[in-house]
Amino acid sequence: IFGQLENYIMNKNINFFEEYKVEYEKSIKNPEDFWADKAEQFTWEKKWEKVLSWDFSKPEIKWFEGGKLNITENCLDRHLEKRGNQTAIKWVANNPKEAIRNISYKELHAEVCKFANVLKNNGVKKGDRICLYMPMVPELAIAVLACARIGAIHSVVFAGFSASSLSDRIDDCNAKGIITSDGNYRGNKVIPVKDVGDTAVEKSNSINNVLVINRTSMDIKMIEGRDIWLHEIEELVDDVCNAEPMSSEDMLFILYTSGSTGKPKGVVHTCGGYMIYSQYTFENVFQYKEGDTYWCTADVGWITGHSYIVYGPLLKGAKTLMFE
């Protein structure tokens, strides 16, 4: 039996290796044709005019110039006909006794559209920066996609960072709003997320609104005219929101370095190239197959969480597991 298993594994690995070599050689010999071929499977409002231009002396690199798209149409809308009732996000709570949530692609699409309408009703528009300081709840993924839906630039800050770390990032990107929660469960602790956010916002001059998600129902201070409960304002909007057309090189998000070696630096990812690369790496690096349940153990506050909890799996139409 073990001999048969060994032969099977070796044959499989040879097949994978041969397939890898073919793809790799294509990508090296003609990278523009290689990536153009990968880009064809996505929904574009306007096809690109040039796959790649670069000048390392500036430096300046552009992918799929002239193209127009919205990444959320590729994460959600294009899957609705085939996968509308399939699970998009499987959420497991900190407390194992709390019910698992299975959010279908159809449900996720509706929730993203509602959240996007909430943002628009509060004056958020294309190009605005929005900071997300939230625990690992489905609303974090929904908020990320809602920002992208309307062309707002999201900047997720890990909810374990201090008020000063959050304040630094708010100021650097000149964030217009912040999305947070009342509290956060972590192990047997309840962390006062909103209180930390309030301290950070008090040091900043750019924040107009604080949108609050009720996770723990702990007592918090709500500032009149600034703070808004999501569950209250969500009742006033519908679940229809057309996606904002974005140029391939428009900003999708800003994610800051940890700051362990100096001032945190905001790393920018744009729409077109990031979309194609995150799906391609997701399906190939992790060998994703149709019907798999996939889990990335990172927090959405890291680039691995952006690419391999939210964008990569949803672009592929996968089931992504999110653990609080």
Protein backbone atom coordinates (compact mmCIF):
# COMPACT_ATOMS: atom_id res chain seq x y z
CA ILE A 1 0.00 0.00 0.00
CA PHE A 2 2.76 2.45 0.94
CA GLY A 3 4.62 1.68 -2.28
CA GLN A 4 1.51 2.43 -4.33
CA LEU A 5 0.98 5.66 -2.39
CA GLU A 6 4.59 6.71 -2.96
CA ASN A 7 4.29 6.12 -6.71
CA TYR A 8 1.02 8.07 -6.80
CA ILE A 9 2.57 11.05 -4.98
CA MET A 10 5.66 11.00 -7.20
CA ASN A 11 3.55 10.89 -10.37
CA LYS A 12 1.37 13.68 -9.10
CA ASN A 13 4.39 15.81 -8.21
CA ILE A 14 5.90 15.20 -11.65
CA ASN A 15 2.66 16.35 -13.27
CA PHE A 16 2.56 19.46 -11.11
CA PHE A 17 6.23 20.16 -11.81
CA GLU A 18 5.82 19.76 -15.56
CA GLU A 19 2.77 22.03 -15.52
CA TYR A 20 4.70 24.57 -13.45
CA LYS A 21 7.67 24.54 -15.84
CA VAL A 22 5.42 25.20 -18.84
CA GLU A 23 3.67 28.12 -17.12
CA TYR A 24 6.92 29.54 -15.77
CA GLU A 25 8.62 29.48 -19.18
CA LYS A 26 5.64 31.29 -20.73
CA SER A 27 5.76 33.95 -18.03
CA ILE A 28 9.51 34.56 -18.52
CA LYS A 29 9.59 34.50 -22.33
CA ASN A 30 6.64 36.82 -22.83
CA PRO A 31 5.25 38.20 -19.58
CA GLU A 32 2.84 40.58 -21.31
CA ASP A 33 1.14 37.77 -23.26
CA PHE A 34 1.16 35.58 -20.15
CA TRP A 35 -0.63 38.13 -17.94
CA ALA A 36 -2.94 39.30 -20.72
CA ASP A 37 -4.13 35.71 -21.04
CA LYS A 38 -4.84 35.56 -17.30
CA ALA A 39 -6.67 38.89 -17.42
CA GLU A 40 -9.11 37.73 -20.10
CA GLN A 41 -11.20 35.73 -17.61
CA PHE A 42 -12.19 38.82 -15.63
CA THR A 43 -15.05 41.27 -16.14
CA TRP A 44 -13.78 44.54 -17.62
CA GLU A 45 -15.90 47.59 -18.35
CA LYS A 46 -13.20 48.68 -20.79
CA LYS A 47 -10.34 46.49 -21.95
CA TRP A 48 -6.78 47.64 -21.36
CA GLU A 49 -4.72 49.38 -24.04
CA LYS A 50 -1.31 48.31 -22.77
CA VAL A 51 -0.50 45.37 -20.52
CA LEU A 52 2.70 46.69 -18.94
CA SER A 53 4.91 49.75 -18.94
CA TRP A 54 7.82 50.29 -16.62
CA ASP A 55 10.71 52.61 -15.89
CA PHE A 56 12.89 51.55 -12.97
CA SER A 57 14.77 54.85 -13.00
CA LYS A 58 11.74 56.72 -11.60
CA PRO A 59 10.56 54.03 -10.53
CA GLU A 60 7.22 53.64 -12.26
CA ILE A 61 5.36 50.45 -13.15
CA LYS A 62 1.86 50.32 -14.64
CA TRP A 63 -0.31 47.30 -15.40
CA PHE A 64 -3.26 47.13 -17.81
CA GLU A 65 -3.26 50.85 -18.58
CA GLY A 66 -6.47 52.18 -20.06
CA GLY A 67 -8.53 49.35 -18.58
CA LYS A 68 -11.60 50.01 -16.44
CA LEU A 69 -13.10 47.60 -13.92
CA ASN A 70 -14.40 47.23 -10.40
CA ILE A 71 -12.86 44.46 -8.35
CA THR A 72 -16.10 43.78 -6.45
CA GLU A 73 -17.91 42.93 -9.68
CA ASN A 74 -15.27 40.25 -10.15
CA CYS A 75 -15.49 39.10 -6.51
CA LEU A 76 -19.29 39.03 -6.39
CA ASP A 77 -21.45 39.93 -9.40
CA ARG A 78 -19.87 37.52 -11.88
CA HIS A 79 -20.45 34.59 -9.50
CA LEU A 80 -24.13 35.22 -8.78
CA GLU A 81 -25.59 33.17 -11.62
CA LYS A 82 -23.49 30.05 -10.99
CA ARG A 83 -22.59 30.34 -7.29
CA GLY A 84 -25.22 32.67 -5.83
CA ASN A 85 -26.36 30.13 -3.23
CA GLN A 86 -22.89 28.74 -2.48
CA THR A 87 -21.05 29.84 0.66
CA ALA A 88 -18.64 32.72 0.10
CA ILE A 89 -17.58 33.32 3.72
CA LYS A 90 -17.78 30.73 6.48
CA TRP A 91 -17.31 32.59 9.75
CA VAL A 92 -16.30 30.87 12.99
CA ALA A 93 -16.61 32.88 16.21
CA ASN A 94 -14.13 33.21 19.05
CA ASN A 95 -16.62 31.34 21.27
CA PRO A 96 -17.04 27.79 19.89
CA LYS A 97 -20.63 27.75 21.25
CA GLU A 98 -21.62 30.63 18.99
CA ALA A 99 -23.29 29.60 15.74
CA ILE A 100 -21.17 29.40 12.58
CA ARG A 101 -22.29 31.85 9.90
CA ASN A 102 -22.40 30.74 6.27
CA ILE A 103 -22.76 33.76 4.01
CA SER A 104 -23.62 32.96 0.40
CA TYR A 105 -22.37 34.93 -2.59
CA LYS A 106 -25.88 36.32 -3.05
CA GLU A 107 -26.09 37.38 0.61
CA LEU A 108 -22.58 38.84 0.56
CA HIS A 109 -23.39 40.84 -2.57
CA ALA A 110 -26.49 42.31 -0.88
CA GLU A 111 -24.59 43.13 2.34
CA VAL A 112 -21.75 44.80 0.44
CA CYS A 113 -24.22 46.91 -1.56
CA LYS A 114 -26.06 47.98 1.62
CA PHE A 115 -22.80 48.88 3.35
CA ALA A 116 -21.68 50.81 0.26
CA ASN A 117 -24.95 52.78 0.32
CA VAL A 118 -24.40 53.56 4.01
CA LEU A 119 -20.99 54.99 3.14
CA LYS A 120 -22.39 57.04 0.26
CA ASN A 121 -25.20 58.39 2.46
CA ASN A 122 -22.52 59.62 4.85
CA GLY A 123 -20.66 61.54 2.17
CA VAL A 124 -17.99 58.97 1.26
CA LYS A 125 -17.03 59.17 -2.40
CA LYS A 126 -14.47 57.84 -4.85
CA GLY A 127 -10.92 58.59 -3.72
CA ASP A 128 -11.77 59.14 -0.04
CA ARG A 129 -9.66 57.25 2.47
CA ILE A 130 -11.46 55.15 5.07
CA CYS A 131 -9.68 53.47 8.01
CA LEU A 132 -11.00 50.13 9.22
CA TYR A 133 -10.16 49.26 12.82
CA MET A 134 -12.17 46.12 13.46
CA PRO A 135 -12.07 42.56 14.78
CA MET A 136 -12.23 39.54 12.51
CA VAL A 137 -15.97 39.58 11.90
CA PRO A 138 -17.73 39.27 8.52
CA GLU A 139 -18.46 43.00 8.59
CA LEU A 140 -14.74 43.63 8.17
CA ALA A 141 -14.66 41.80 4.83
CA ILE A 142 -17.97 43.45 3.90
CA ALA A 143 -16.60 46.91 4.73
CA VAL A 144 -13.45 46.29 2.66
CA LEU A 145 -15.57 45.32 -0.35
CA ALA A 146 -18.04 48.17 0.23
CA CYS A 147 -15.21 50.70 0.04
CA ALA A 148 -13.95 49.10 -3.16
CA ARG A 149 -17.50 49.07 -4.57
CA ILE A 150 -17.72 52.87 -4.51
CA GLY A 151 -14.05 53.60 -5.21
CA ALA A 152 -13.14 54.65 -1.67
CA ILE A 153 -9.64 53.63 -0.61
CA HIS A 154 -9.62 51.33 2.40
CA SER A 155 -6.82 51.22 4.93
CA VAL A 156 -7.23 48.32 7.36
CA VAL A 157 -5.43 48.71 10.68
CA PHE A 158 -5.02 45.60 12.85
CA ALA A 159 -7.39 45.98 15.82
CA GLY A 160 -4.61 45.06 18.24
CA PHE A 161 -2.60 48.20 17.43
CA SER A 162 -2.48 51.07 19.92
CA ALA A 163 -4.33 54.38 19.66
CA SER A 164 -1.13 56.19 18.67
CA SER A 165 -0.44 53.63 15.91
CA LEU A 166 -3.97 54.07 14.60
CA SER A 167 -3.74 57.85 14.83
CA ASP A 168 -0.47 57.87 12.86
CA ARG A 169 -2.10 55.92 10.04
CA ILE A 170 -5.25 58.07 10.04
CA ASP A 171 -3.17 61.23 9.74
CA ASP A 172 -0.79 59.87 7.12
CA CYS A 173 -3.55 58.85 4.70
CA ASN A 174 -5.83 61.75 5.69
CA ALA A 175 -8.72 59.40 6.40
CA LYS A 176 -12.21 60.88 6.15
CA GLY A 177 -13.92 58.23 8.25
CA ILE A 178 -13.27 55.24 10.45
CA ILE A 179 -15.21 51.97 10.71
CA THR A 180 -14.84 50.20 14.04
CA SER A 181 -16.71 48.05 16.56
CA ASP A 182 -17.81 48.48 20.15
CA GLY A 183 -15.52 45.70 21.31
CA ASN A 184 -13.62 42.59 20.32
CA TYR A 185 -13.52 39.04 21.72
CA ARG A 186 -10.07 37.52 21.93
CA GLY A 187 -9.81 34.30 23.93
CA ASN A 188 -11.51 34.98 27.26
CA LYS A 189 -10.97 38.75 27.03
CA VAL A 190 -13.23 41.52 25.78
CA ILE A 191 -11.16 44.33 24.27
CA PRO A 192 -12.61 47.89 24.17
CA VAL A 193 -11.95 48.59 20.49
CA LYS A 194 -14.13 51.73 20.30
CA ASP A 195 -12.35 53.34 23.26
CA VAL A 196 -8.99 52.89 21.53
CA GLY A 197 -10.45 54.31 18.33
CA ASP A 198 -11.87 57.31 20.17
CA THR A 199 -8.45 58.17 21.60
CA ALA A 200 -6.94 57.97 18.11
CA VAL A 201 -9.69 60.07 16.52
CA GLU A 202 -9.32 62.78 19.18
CA LYS A 203 -5.73 63.29 17.98
CA SER A 204 -6.80 63.61 14.35
CA ASN A 205 -8.41 66.46 12.41
CA SER A 206 -9.58 64.59 9.31
CA ILE A 207 -12.26 62.18 10.63
CA ASN A 208 -15.86 63.23 9.98
CA ASN A 209 -17.72 60.07 10.99
CA VAL A 210 -17.16 56.96 13.08
CA LEU A 211 -19.28 54.01 11.96
CA VAL A 212 -19.70 51.48 14.76
CA ILE A 213 -20.56 47.78 14.52
CA ASN A 214 -22.19 46.12 17.52
CA ARG A 215 -20.20 42.99 18.33
CA THR A 216 -20.05 42.71 22.14
CA SER A 217 -22.90 45.03 23.29
CA MET A 218 -20.51 46.53 25.83
CA ASP A 219 -21.11 50.05 27.14
CA ILE A 220 -19.42 52.64 24.94
CA LYS A 221 -19.58 56.40 24.49
CA MET A 222 -21.24 57.55 21.26
CA ILE A 223 -20.44 61.12 20.18
CA GLU A 224 -23.54 62.82 18.78
CA GLY A 225 -23.09 64.07 15.23
CA ARG A 226 -19.99 61.93 14.69
CA ASP A 227 -20.67 58.34 15.76
CA ILE A 228 -23.22 56.15 13.99
CA TRP A 229 -24.44 52.61 14.70
CA LEU A 230 -24.29 50.53 11.54
CA HIS A 231 -27.37 48.46 12.40
CA GLU A 232 -29.48 51.62 12.76
CA ILE A 233 -28.45 53.36 9.57
CA GLU A 234 -28.45 50.15 7.52
CA GLU A 235 -32.23 50.02 7.87
CA LEU A 236 -32.47 53.19 5.77
CA VAL A 237 -30.74 51.85 2.64
CA ASP A 238 -31.46 49.18 0.03
CA ASP A 239 -29.20 46.45 -1.33
CA VAL A 240 -28.70 47.87 -4.83
CA CYS A 241 -25.45 49.72 -5.52
CA ASN A 242 -23.83 49.97 -8.94
CA ALA A 243 -20.08 49.44 -8.89
CA GLU A 244 -17.93 52.51 -9.52
CA PRO A 245 -15.79 52.11 -12.67
CA MET A 246 -12.12 52.25 -11.69
CA SER A 247 -9.05 52.64 -13.83
CA SER A 248 -6.60 49.77 -13.56
CA GLU A 249 -4.06 52.02 -11.89
CA ASP A 250 -6.52 53.68 -9.49
CA MET A 251 -5.74 53.03 -5.84
CA LEU A 252 -7.57 50.10 -4.28
CA PHE A 253 -6.10 50.21 -0.77
CA ILE A 254 -3.30 51.50 1.42
CA LEU A 255 -1.75 49.09 3.91
CA TYR A 256 0.87 50.27 6.37
CA THR A 257 4.07 48.56 7.38
CA SER A 258 4.37 47.65 11.05
CA GLY A 259 6.62 50.57 11.95
CA SER A 260 9.10 48.31 13.72
CA THR A 261 11.98 49.82 11.72
CA GLY A 262 10.80 53.43 11.74
CA LYS A 263 7.78 55.45 10.69
CA PRO A 264 5.06 53.19 9.18
CA LYS A 265 5.00 53.44 5.40
CA GLY A 266 1.78 53.26 3.42
CA VAL A 267 2.07 50.64 0.68
CA VAL A 268 -0.36 51.18 -2.20
CA HIS A 269 -2.03 48.49 -4.27
CA THR A 270 -3.95 49.41 -7.41
CA CYS A 271 -7.00 47.74 -8.92
CA GLY A 272 -6.11 45.85 -12.09
CA GLY A 273 -2.79 44.17 -11.47
CA TYR A 274 -3.61 43.32 -7.87
CA MET A 275 -6.88 41.69 -8.89
CA ILE A 276 -5.28 39.38 -11.44
CA TYR A 277 -2.25 38.50 -9.32
CA SER A 278 -4.22 37.79 -6.13
CA GLN A 279 -6.57 35.35 -7.87
CA TYR A 280 -3.76 33.68 -9.83
CA THR A 281 -1.55 33.17 -6.79
CA PHE A 282 -4.49 32.03 -4.67
CA GLU A 283 -5.53 29.26 -7.03
CA ASN A 284 -2.01 28.11 -7.87
CA VAL A 285 0.09 28.58 -4.74
CA PHE A 286 -2.61 26.99 -2.60
CA GLN A 287 -3.70 24.50 -5.30
CA TYR A 288 -7.33 25.47 -4.79
CA LYS A 289 -9.86 23.14 -6.42
CA GLU A 290 -13.57 23.78 -6.98
CA GLY A 291 -15.54 22.84 -3.85
CA ASP A 292 -12.64 23.19 -1.40
CA THR A 293 -13.04 25.06 1.87
CA TYR A 294 -10.02 27.30 2.24
CA TRP A 295 -8.63 28.88 5.42
CA CYS A 296 -5.98 31.55 5.80
CA THR A 297 -5.10 31.99 9.48
CA ALA A 298 -3.99 35.61 9.10
CA ASP A 299 -5.84 38.74 10.18
CA VAL A 300 -7.32 40.91 7.44
CA GLY A 301 -5.09 43.64 8.88
CA TRP A 302 -2.12 42.03 7.08
CA ILE A 303 -1.53 41.74 3.34
CA THR A 304 -2.03 37.97 3.59
CA GLY A 305 -5.49 38.66 4.99
CA HIS A 306 -6.33 41.09 2.21
CA SER A 307 -5.18 38.76 -0.55
CA TYR A 308 -5.96 35.33 0.84
CA ILE A 309 -8.99 35.79 3.10
CA VAL A 310 -10.90 38.36 1.07
CA TYR A 311 -9.86 39.16 -2.48
CA GLY A 312 -8.12 36.03 -3.81
CA PRO A 313 -10.70 33.46 -2.68
CA LEU A 314 -13.72 35.59 -3.60
CA LEU A 315 -12.30 36.39 -7.03
CA LYS A 316 -12.00 32.65 -7.61
CA GLY A 317 -15.50 31.94 -6.30
CA ALA A 318 -14.16 29.90 -3.40
CA LYS A 319 -15.43 29.29 0.13
CA THR A 320 -13.16 31.25 2.47
CA LEU A 321 -13.13 30.50 6.19
CA MET A 322 -12.76 33.47 8.52
CA PHE A 323 -11.94 32.86 12.20
CA GLU A 324 -12.56 35.53 14.79
